[in-house]
Amino acid sequence: MTEAVGLMIRHLFDDPGTELIAMDHFVENWGSRRVIEKNGFHYEGTIRQKVRLYTGEVKDCRCYSITRAEFEALQNQAPITGNA
């Protein structure tokens, strides 16, 4: 999933008009949090009671963003290897 999200980010930044990508996830979804953070997004904050589900339950969301410059800097870093 981490790789798929990375490919989507690269695709979105292929558009020269895209300067920022933002995304969020339900606070209890630790898998999404890990995928988002591994792709270089920065935590911006939590929006309380952002979503009301069809069941009536209200959910808080953690919000993240990454700029084009941040993404490009990550792409230019040398890959980390196990041979240090």
C-alpha atoms as a PDB file:
ATOM      1  CA  MET A   1       0.000   0.000   0.000  1.00  0.00           C
ATOM      2  CA  THR A   2       2.874   2.365   0.782  1.00  0.00           C
ATOM      3  CA  GLU A   3       4.242   1.938  -2.732  1.00  0.00           C
ATOM      4  CA  ALA A   4       0.806   2.435  -4.322  1.00  0.00           C
ATOM      5  CA  VAL A   5       0.294   5.695  -2.424  1.00  0.00           C
ATOM      6  CA  GLY A   6       3.788   6.812  -3.458  1.00  0.00           C
ATOM      7  CA  LEU A   7       2.943   6.198  -7.113  1.00  0.00           C
ATOM      8  CA  MET A   8      -0.290   8.166  -6.768  1.00  0.00           C
ATOM      9  CA  ILE A   9       1.589  11.086  -5.184  1.00  0.00           C
ATOM     10  CA  ARG A  10       4.115  11.052  -8.040  1.00  0.00           C
ATOM     11  CA  HIS A  11       1.257  11.013 -10.544  1.00  0.00           C
ATOM     12  CA  LEU A  12      -0.465  13.973  -8.851  1.00  0.00           C
ATOM     13  CA  PHE A  13       2.759  16.002  -8.825  1.00  0.00           C
ATOM     14  CA  ASP A  14       3.203  15.290 -12.562  1.00  0.00           C
ATOM     15  CA  ASP A  15       0.621  18.064 -12.973  1.00  0.00           C
ATOM     16  CA  PRO A  16       2.658  21.295 -12.871  1.00  0.00           C
ATOM     17  CA  GLY A  17      -0.252  23.072 -11.174  1.00  0.00           C
ATOM     18  CA  THR A  18      -0.147  20.813  -8.112  1.00  0.00           C
ATOM     19  CA  GLU A  19       1.880  22.329  -5.281  1.00  0.00           C
ATOM     20  CA  LEU A  20       0.344  20.595  -2.251  1.00  0.00           C
ATOM     21  CA  ILE A  21      -1.373  17.300  -1.543  1.00  0.00           C
ATOM     22  CA  ALA A  22      -3.424  16.862   1.613  1.00  0.00           C
ATOM     23  CA  MET A  23      -5.031  13.722   3.008  1.00  0.00           C
ATOM     24  CA  ASP A  24      -6.555  12.487   6.203  1.00  0.00           C
ATOM     25  CA  HIS A  25      -7.592   9.297   7.968  1.00  0.00           C
ATOM     26  CA  PHE A  26      -9.730   8.256  10.915  1.00  0.00           C
ATOM     27  CA  VAL A  27      -7.677   8.651  14.097  1.00  0.00           C
ATOM     28  CA  GLU A  28      -7.908   4.965  15.010  1.00  0.00           C
ATOM     29  CA  ASN A  29      -6.621   3.757  11.619  1.00  0.00           C
ATOM     30  CA  TRP A  30      -2.955   3.144  12.473  1.00  0.00           C
ATOM     31  CA  GLY A  31      -2.237   1.388   9.159  1.00  0.00           C
ATOM     32  CA  SER A  32      -3.226   4.458   7.153  1.00  0.00           C
ATOM     33  CA  ARG A  33      -1.197   6.647   9.483  1.00  0.00           C
ATOM     34  CA  ARG A  34       1.917   4.558   8.853  1.00  0.00           C
ATOM     35  CA  VAL A  35       1.467   4.554   5.057  1.00  0.00           C
ATOM     36  CA  ILE A  36       0.926   8.322   4.966  1.00  0.00           C
ATOM     37  CA  GLU A  37       3.936   9.072   7.181  1.00  0.00           C
ATOM     38  CA  LYS A  38       6.209   6.660   5.250  1.00  0.00           C
ATOM     39  CA  ASN A  39       5.405   8.668   2.120  1.00  0.00           C
ATOM     40  CA  GLY A  40       6.744  11.865   3.684  1.00  0.00           C
ATOM     41  CA  PHE A  41       3.525  13.617   4.687  1.00  0.00           C
ATOM     42  CA  HIS A  42       3.608  15.973   7.667  1.00  0.00           C
ATOM     43  CA  TYR A  43       0.982  15.861  10.406  1.00  0.00           C
ATOM     44  CA  GLU A  44      -1.035  19.098  10.382  1.00  0.00           C
ATOM     45  CA  GLY A  45      -3.573  18.411  13.122  1.00  0.00           C
ATOM     46  CA  THR A  46      -6.741  16.605  14.049  1.00  0.00           C
ATOM     47  CA  ILE A  47     -10.167  17.742  12.944  1.00  0.00           C
ATOM     48  CA  ARG A  48     -12.663  16.666  15.542  1.00  0.00           C
ATOM     49  CA  GLN A  49     -16.010  15.252  14.459  1.00  0.00           C
ATOM     50  CA  LYS A  50     -15.142  15.649  10.769  1.00  0.00           C
ATOM     51  CA  VAL A  51     -17.159  12.724   9.422  1.00  0.00           C
ATOM     52  CA  ARG A  52     -20.553  11.300  10.282  1.00  0.00           C
ATOM     53  CA  LEU A  53     -20.869   7.687   9.147  1.00  0.00           C
ATOM     54  CA  TYR A  54     -24.081   6.184   7.805  1.00  0.00           C
ATOM     55  CA  THR A  55     -24.437   4.492  11.211  1.00  0.00           C
ATOM     56  CA  GLY A  56     -24.581   7.909  12.868  1.00  0.00           C
ATOM     57  CA  GLU A  57     -21.147   7.512  14.475  1.00  0.00           C
ATOM     58  CA  VAL A  58     -18.991  10.649  14.343  1.00  0.00           C
ATOM     59  CA  LYS A  59     -15.262  10.269  13.622  1.00  0.00           C
ATOM     60  CA  ASP A  60     -12.220  12.466  14.172  1.00  0.00           C
ATOM     61  CA  CYS A  61      -9.590  12.634  11.393  1.00  0.00           C
ATOM     62  CA  ARG A  62      -5.835  13.223  11.447  1.00  0.00           C
ATOM     63  CA  CYS A  63      -4.781  15.571   8.626  1.00  0.00           C
ATOM     64  CA  TYR A  64      -1.494  15.509   6.696  1.00  0.00           C
ATOM     65  CA  SER A  65       0.089  17.359   3.782  1.00  0.00           C
ATOM     66  CA  ILE A  66       3.165  17.326   1.572  1.00  0.00           C
ATOM     67  CA  THR A  67       4.417  20.062  -0.745  1.00  0.00           C
ATOM     68  CA  ARG A  68       5.994  19.558  -4.144  1.00  0.00           C
ATOM     69  CA  ALA A  69       9.363  20.742  -2.755  1.00  0.00           C
ATOM     70  CA  GLU A  70       9.201  18.266   0.135  1.00  0.00           C
ATOM     71  CA  PHE A  71       8.296  15.415  -2.207  1.00  0.00           C
ATOM     72  CA  GLU A  72      11.097  16.277  -4.639  1.00  0.00           C
ATOM     73  CA  ALA A  73      13.607  16.446  -1.768  1.00  0.00           C
ATOM     74  CA  LEU A  74      12.559  12.951  -0.679  1.00  0.00           C
ATOM     75  CA  GLN A  75      12.962  11.658  -4.243  1.00  0.00           C
ATOM     76  CA  ASN A  76      16.524  13.008  -4.373  1.00  0.00           C
ATOM     77  CA  GLN A  77      17.661  11.272  -1.170  1.00  0.00           C
ATOM     78  CA  ALA A  78      19.912   8.262  -1.537  1.00  0.00           C
ATOM     79  CA  PRO A  79      18.159   4.996  -0.660  1.00  0.00           C
ATOM     80  CA  ILE A  80      18.944   3.611   2.792  1.00  0.00           C
ATOM     81  CA  THR A  81      20.740   0.270   2.743  1.00  0.00           C
ATOM     82  CA  GLY A  82      21.562  -2.210   5.465  1.00  0.00           C
ATOM     83  CA  ASN A  83      25.311  -1.925   4.830  1.00  0.00           C
ATOM     84  CA  ALA A  84      26.484   0.964   6.967  1.00  0.00           C
END
